[in-house]
Protein backbone atom coordinates (compact mmCIF):
# COMPACT_ATOMS: atom_id res chain seq x y z
CA UNK A 1 -93.36 138.44 248.46
CA UNK A 2 -95.17 140.83 250.80
CA UNK A 3 -96.27 137.89 252.98
CA UNK A 4 -92.70 136.65 253.10
CA UNK A 5 -91.44 140.07 254.17
CA UNK A 6 -94.12 140.19 256.84
CA UNK A 7 -93.04 136.79 258.15
CA UNK A 8 -89.43 137.99 258.23
CA UNK A 9 -90.50 141.04 260.25
CA UNK A 10 -92.39 138.83 262.69
CA UNK A 11 -89.39 136.52 263.14
CA UNK A 12 -86.98 139.44 263.64
CA UNK A 13 -89.33 141.03 266.15
CA UNK A 14 -89.30 137.81 268.20
CA UNK A 15 -85.51 137.95 268.17
CA UNK A 16 -85.22 141.65 269.03
CA UNK A 17 -88.01 141.73 271.62
CA UNK A 18 -86.75 138.56 273.28
CA UNK A 19 -89.86 136.38 273.00
CA UNK A 20 -93.18 135.65 271.34
CA UNK A 21 -95.32 137.57 273.83
CA UNK A 22 -93.19 140.72 273.62
CA UNK A 23 -93.12 140.49 269.82
CA UNK A 24 -96.89 140.08 269.68
CA UNK A 25 -97.32 143.15 271.86
CA UNK A 26 -94.88 145.16 269.73
CA UNK A 27 -96.59 144.13 266.47
CA UNK A 28 -100.15 144.37 267.84
CA UNK A 29 -100.70 140.69 266.98
CA UNK A 30 -101.82 137.70 268.99
CA UNK A 31 -99.22 135.29 270.37
CA UNK A 32 -100.64 132.31 268.39
CA UNK A 33 -100.43 134.38 265.20
CA UNK A 34 -96.75 135.16 265.87
CA UNK A 35 -96.07 131.52 266.71
CA UNK A 36 -97.67 130.31 263.46
CA UNK A 37 -95.54 132.70 261.40
CA UNK A 38 -92.31 131.43 262.96
CA UNK A 39 -93.35 127.79 262.73
CA UNK A 40 -94.26 128.20 259.06
CA UNK A 41 -90.91 129.89 258.41
CA UNK A 42 -88.99 127.05 260.06
CA UNK A 43 -90.97 124.49 258.10
CA UNK A 44 -90.33 126.34 254.84
CA UNK A 45 -86.59 126.57 255.54
CA UNK A 46 -86.36 123.01 256.87
CA UNK A 47 -84.40 124.04 259.96
CA UNK A 48 -84.99 125.19 263.52
CA UNK A 49 -84.27 128.88 264.00
CA UNK A 50 -85.18 129.33 267.67
CA UNK A 51 -84.60 127.35 270.83
CA UNK A 52 -87.65 127.69 273.08
CA UNK A 53 -87.81 127.13 276.83
CA UNK A 54 -90.43 128.13 279.36
CA UNK A 55 -88.38 131.19 280.30
CA UNK A 56 -86.56 132.41 277.20
CA UNK A 57 -86.08 132.23 273.47
CA UNK A 58 -82.63 132.01 271.88
CA UNK A 59 -81.28 131.66 268.37
CA UNK A 60 -79.82 128.46 267.01
CA UNK A 61 -76.66 128.70 264.89
CA UNK A 62 -78.85 128.65 261.78
CA UNK A 63 -81.13 131.22 263.36
CA UNK A 64 -78.24 133.61 264.02
CA UNK A 65 -77.14 133.49 260.39
CA UNK A 66 -80.70 133.84 259.11
CA UNK A 67 -81.50 136.73 261.47
CA UNK A 68 -78.42 138.64 260.28
CA UNK A 69 -79.44 138.25 256.63
CA UNK A 70 -83.10 139.10 257.36
CA UNK A 71 -82.03 142.27 259.12
CA UNK A 72 -79.99 143.29 256.07
CA UNK A 73 -82.89 142.50 253.72
CA UNK A 74 -85.46 144.46 255.71
CA UNK A 75 -83.12 147.40 256.12
CA UNK A 76 -82.45 147.40 252.37
CA UNK A 77 -86.20 147.37 251.67
CA UNK A 78 -86.75 150.23 254.13
CA UNK A 79 -83.84 152.20 252.65
CA UNK A 80 -85.22 151.75 249.13
CA UNK A 81 -88.60 153.02 250.29
CA UNK A 82 -86.99 155.96 252.08
CA UNK A 83 -84.93 156.91 249.04
CA UNK A 84 -88.12 157.01 246.98
CA UNK A 85 -89.52 159.63 249.32
CA UNK A 86 -88.13 162.80 247.86
CA UNK A 87 -89.50 165.50 250.16
CA UNK A 88 -89.83 166.27 253.84
CA UNK A 89 -93.59 165.76 253.95
CA UNK A 90 -93.03 162.14 252.94
CA UNK A 91 -90.92 161.40 256.02
CA UNK A 92 -92.98 159.15 258.22
CA UNK A 93 -92.93 156.11 260.46
CA UNK A 94 -91.90 155.27 264.02
CA UNK A 95 -88.44 156.32 265.24
CA UNK A 96 -87.38 154.15 268.18
CA UNK A 97 -84.91 155.90 270.50
CA UNK A 98 -83.16 154.70 273.65
CA UNK A 99 -81.48 157.15 276.04
CA UNK A 100 -80.32 157.49 279.62
CA UNK A 101 -82.65 159.46 281.93
CA UNK A 102 -80.41 162.56 282.06
CA UNK A 103 -80.00 162.63 278.28
CA UNK A 104 -83.74 162.17 277.77
CA UNK A 105 -84.32 165.28 279.89
CA UNK A 106 -81.52 167.29 278.28
CA UNK A 107 -81.80 166.32 274.61
CA UNK A 108 -85.08 164.68 273.71
CA UNK A 109 -87.76 166.27 275.89
CA UNK A 110 -86.90 169.89 274.92
CA UNK A 111 -86.93 169.06 271.19
CA UNK A 112 -89.82 166.61 270.85
CA UNK A 113 -92.60 169.13 270.19
CA UNK A 114 -90.54 171.20 267.73
CA UNK A 115 -89.38 168.08 265.88
CA UNK A 116 -92.96 166.81 265.57
CA UNK A 117 -94.01 170.21 264.22
CA UNK A 118 -91.38 170.01 261.50
CA UNK A 119 -91.91 166.30 260.79
CA UNK A 120 -95.53 165.45 261.69
CA UNK A 121 -95.30 162.09 259.95
CA UNK A 122 -92.62 160.78 262.32
CA UNK A 123 -93.71 159.28 265.63
CA UNK A 124 -91.13 159.20 268.46
CA UNK A 125 -91.04 156.03 270.55
CA UNK A 126 -88.58 156.75 273.38
CA UNK A 127 -87.35 154.15 275.90
CA UNK A 128 -85.57 155.59 278.94
CA UNK A 129 -82.93 153.06 280.00
CA UNK A 130 -80.80 153.54 283.14
CA UNK A 131 -78.18 151.10 281.84
CA UNK A 132 -74.94 152.89 280.83
CA UNK A 133 -74.74 151.09 277.48
CA UNK A 134 -78.09 149.71 276.27
CA UNK A 135 -78.41 147.39 273.28
CA UNK A 136 -78.59 150.02 270.55
CA UNK A 137 -79.24 147.37 267.88
CA UNK A 138 -82.80 147.03 269.19
CA UNK A 139 -83.49 150.69 268.35
CA UNK A 140 -83.04 153.16 265.51
CA UNK A 141 -80.95 155.55 267.60
CA UNK A 142 -79.40 155.74 271.06
CA UNK A 143 -77.96 158.56 273.17
CA UNK A 144 -75.18 157.49 275.53
CA UNK A 145 -72.98 159.31 278.05
CA UNK A 146 -69.64 157.49 278.23
CA UNK A 147 -66.18 158.01 279.77
CA UNK A 148 -63.04 158.80 277.82
CA UNK A 149 -61.60 155.71 276.17
CA UNK A 150 -64.99 154.03 275.83
CA UNK A 151 -65.03 151.49 273.02
CA UNK A 152 -67.98 149.12 272.61
CA UNK A 153 -67.51 148.67 268.85
CA UNK A 154 -70.56 150.75 268.04
CA UNK A 155 -71.22 153.22 265.24
CA UNK A 156 -71.54 156.64 266.85
CA UNK A 157 -71.27 160.39 266.35
CA UNK A 158 -69.93 162.55 269.20
CA UNK A 159 -72.33 165.29 270.21
CA UNK A 160 -70.11 166.81 272.92
CA UNK A 161 -67.10 166.08 275.15
CA UNK A 162 -66.62 167.74 278.51
CA UNK A 163 -64.36 167.48 281.55
CA UNK A 164 -66.04 166.54 284.83
CA UNK A 165 -65.26 168.93 287.68
CA UNK A 166 -66.05 169.20 291.39
CA UNK A 167 -68.57 171.84 292.47
CA UNK A 168 -70.36 173.00 295.59
CA UNK A 169 -72.82 175.72 296.46
CA UNK A 170 -71.43 178.92 298.04
CA UNK A 171 -73.60 178.13 301.08
CA UNK A 172 -71.75 174.82 301.58
CA UNK A 173 -68.35 176.54 301.24
CA UNK A 174 -69.42 179.19 303.76
CA UNK A 175 -70.32 176.51 306.33
CA UNK A 176 -67.59 173.94 305.75
CA UNK A 177 -64.75 175.79 304.08
CA UNK A 178 -63.10 174.93 300.77
CA UNK A 179 -60.71 172.01 300.27
CA UNK A 180 -57.34 173.24 299.05
CA UNK A 181 -55.77 169.86 298.20
CA UNK A 182 -57.24 166.58 296.92
CA UNK A 183 -56.50 164.94 300.29
CA UNK A 184 -58.73 167.46 302.08
CA UNK A 185 -61.76 166.04 300.23
CA UNK A 186 -61.73 163.25 302.83
CA UNK A 187 -62.90 165.78 305.44
CA UNK A 188 -65.83 167.04 303.36
CA UNK A 189 -69.37 165.90 302.61
CA UNK A 190 -70.05 164.63 299.10
CA UNK A 191 -73.10 163.83 297.00
CA UNK A 192 -72.24 160.77 294.95
CA UNK A 193 -73.78 158.89 292.09
CA UNK A 194 -73.20 155.28 293.08
CA UNK A 195 -74.32 152.53 290.70
CA UNK A 196 -75.82 149.33 292.09
CA UNK A 197 -73.18 146.91 293.34
CA UNK A 198 -70.56 149.57 294.13
CA UNK A 199 -69.95 150.01 297.87
CA UNK A 200 -66.78 152.09 298.07
CA UNK A 201 -67.25 155.86 298.24
CA UNK A 202 -64.32 157.50 296.51
CA UNK A 203 -63.36 160.17 293.98
CA UNK A 204 -60.68 159.63 291.36
CA UNK A 205 -58.79 162.76 290.35
CA UNK A 206 -56.70 163.62 287.30
CA UNK A 207 -55.08 166.93 286.42
CA UNK A 208 -57.05 168.98 283.91
CA UNK A 209 -56.00 168.26 280.31
CA UNK A 210 -54.54 164.90 281.42
CA UNK A 211 -55.86 161.76 279.73
CA UNK A 212 -58.24 159.88 282.01
CA UNK A 213 -57.39 156.58 280.34
CA UNK A 214 -54.34 156.38 282.63
CA UNK A 215 -54.63 155.64 286.39
CA UNK A 216 -55.77 158.67 288.43
CA UNK A 217 -53.21 160.68 290.32
CA UNK A 218 -55.41 160.52 293.42
CA UNK A 219 -58.16 158.16 294.56
CA UNK A 220 -59.66 159.71 297.67
CA UNK A 221 -62.06 157.92 300.01
CA UNK A 222 -64.75 160.44 300.92
CA UNK A 223 -67.75 160.76 303.20
CA UNK A 224 -70.99 160.43 301.26
CA UNK A 225 -73.69 162.66 302.73
CA UNK A 226 -76.04 161.38 300.03
CA UNK A 227 -75.72 158.60 297.46
CA UNK A 228 -78.12 158.13 294.58
CA UNK A 229 -78.10 155.88 291.50
CA UNK A 230 -79.10 158.58 289.00
CA UNK A 231 -77.95 162.12 288.36
CA UNK A 232 -81.17 164.06 287.79
CA UNK A 233 -81.58 165.04 291.47
CA UNK A 234 -77.94 165.65 292.34
CA UNK A 235 -77.86 169.20 290.98
CA UNK A 236 -80.73 170.36 293.19
CA UNK A 237 -79.18 168.71 296.25
CA UNK A 238 -75.86 170.45 295.65
CA UNK A 239 -77.52 173.82 294.95
CA UNK A 240 -79.23 173.41 298.34
CA UNK A 241 -75.83 173.00 300.02
CA UNK A 242 -75.83 169.24 300.64
CA UNK A 243 -72.19 168.77 299.66
CA UNK A 244 -69.59 168.53 296.91
CA UNK A 245 -70.42 166.67 293.69
CA UNK A 246 -69.03 166.11 290.23
CA UNK A 247 -70.63 167.60 287.11
CA UNK A 248 -69.53 167.99 283.53
CA UNK A 249 -68.23 171.48 282.82
CA UNK A 250 -70.93 171.85 280.16
CA UNK A 251 -73.68 171.08 282.69
CA UNK A 252 -72.23 173.20 285.49
CA UNK A 253 -71.25 176.17 283.31
CA UNK A 254 -74.49 178.20 283.52
CA UNK A 255 -74.67 177.76 287.31
CA UNK A 256 -71.00 178.73 287.73
CA UNK A 257 -71.61 181.85 285.64
CA UNK A 258 -74.58 182.82 287.83
CA UNK A 259 -72.64 182.23 291.05
CA UNK A 260 -74.99 179.43 292.13
CA UNK A 261 -72.14 176.92 292.06
CA UNK A 262 -68.46 177.27 292.84
CA UNK A 263 -65.74 175.06 291.38
CA UNK A 264 -63.81 173.06 293.96
CA UNK A 265 -60.13 172.21 293.40
CA UNK A 266 -59.65 174.05 290.08
CA UNK A 267 -57.10 172.28 287.93
CA UNK A 268 -58.37 168.82 288.91
CA UNK A 269 -61.03 166.76 287.12
CA UNK A 270 -62.91 163.58 288.02
CA UNK A 271 -63.13 162.35 284.43
CA UNK A 272 -63.93 163.27 280.87
CA UNK A 273 -67.32 162.43 279.40
CA UNK A 274 -68.68 162.29 275.86
CA UNK A 275 -72.29 162.27 274.70
CA UNK A 276 -72.68 159.93 271.74
CA UNK A 277 -75.46 159.49 269.23
CA UNK A 278 -75.15 155.75 268.66
CA UNK A 279 -76.52 153.89 265.66
CA UNK A 280 -77.29 150.21 265.22
CA UNK A 281 -74.91 148.20 263.05
CA UNK A 282 -76.84 148.86 259.86
CA UNK A 283 -75.72 149.51 256.32
CA UNK A 284 -78.58 151.93 255.65
CA UNK A 285 -79.65 154.89 257.78
CA UNK A 286 -83.40 155.59 257.52
CA UNK A 287 -84.26 159.16 256.56
CA UNK A 288 -86.28 159.65 259.74
CA UNK A 289 -83.21 158.75 261.84
CA UNK A 290 -81.04 161.15 259.87
CA UNK A 291 -83.67 163.87 260.27
CA UNK A 292 -83.70 163.52 264.07
CA UNK A 293 -79.90 163.37 264.26
CA UNK A 294 -79.59 166.56 262.22
CA UNK A 295 -82.27 168.23 264.36
CA UNK A 296 -80.46 167.41 267.62
CA UNK A 297 -77.02 168.47 266.37
CA UNK A 298 -78.46 171.71 264.96
CA UNK A 299 -80.17 172.51 268.27
CA UNK A 300 -77.02 171.68 270.23
CA UNK A 301 -74.85 173.97 268.09
CA UNK A 302 -77.41 176.76 268.49
CA UNK A 303 -77.51 176.35 272.28
CA UNK A 304 -81.21 175.52 272.28
CA UNK A 305 -80.80 172.47 274.51
CA UNK A 306 -78.99 171.93 277.80
CA UNK A 307 -75.36 170.99 277.71
CA UNK A 308 -74.87 167.50 279.14
């Protein structure tokens, strides 16, 4: 039975890692060893589970059904083992987390050492993914930052929700003046986060408290002094006076309170953003995942980590 479970784990790793080589690396096995496990499984079942080409591996119809059942079986086995562990010192294993760069900096990095101190048996394996919505099913836990109305049919808990506002440094306002209407944004310099493939520089504006699932009241073409495909550096650029940018109210709050930033066009927002703790589509939640979730939410409520 143990050998059969091991073979199931090998097969599922090939599926989740996207190939034999990646699975072998993840499992610390050789590629031929992984290949033999899958071949023996297919022979035992009397059906082909994987379609193999020189570039990729994909599931057959039988493979899709089998992979779904194997995932349930392995999760049930892991849950049974976890339930048998009755105290904190027994919590152990690898917790695989995926998060966007900004959320890694704001949520995971500040808590990693303290979490490991409390749960020394749990190893954190964090993958920083710039994609807005990574495949959470390949991990134990994911942290996503998504717009209002987001629905990807995932299981998730909301950590925070915040309006996105326009801000600039007092030094920029002193040099360039302050826009008084949305239309005046067109005469100002902006620092924009522009994903790959998007070529139009614009800012959509809704009134504060208005749902952002409806079309914006204004969509203003602006002059981009700087564009960048990630948000980590935007704050420093704006603090240095490079231009106007959008931040969540949670993120900008401390800098507004200190006078380092100034809100532009109060009463208008550029969106509404939620931070989600997303879970794979599993029936059982491992204790180590629940422990990290509780740790993050506890720290967030206590103000021990940055607002996102």
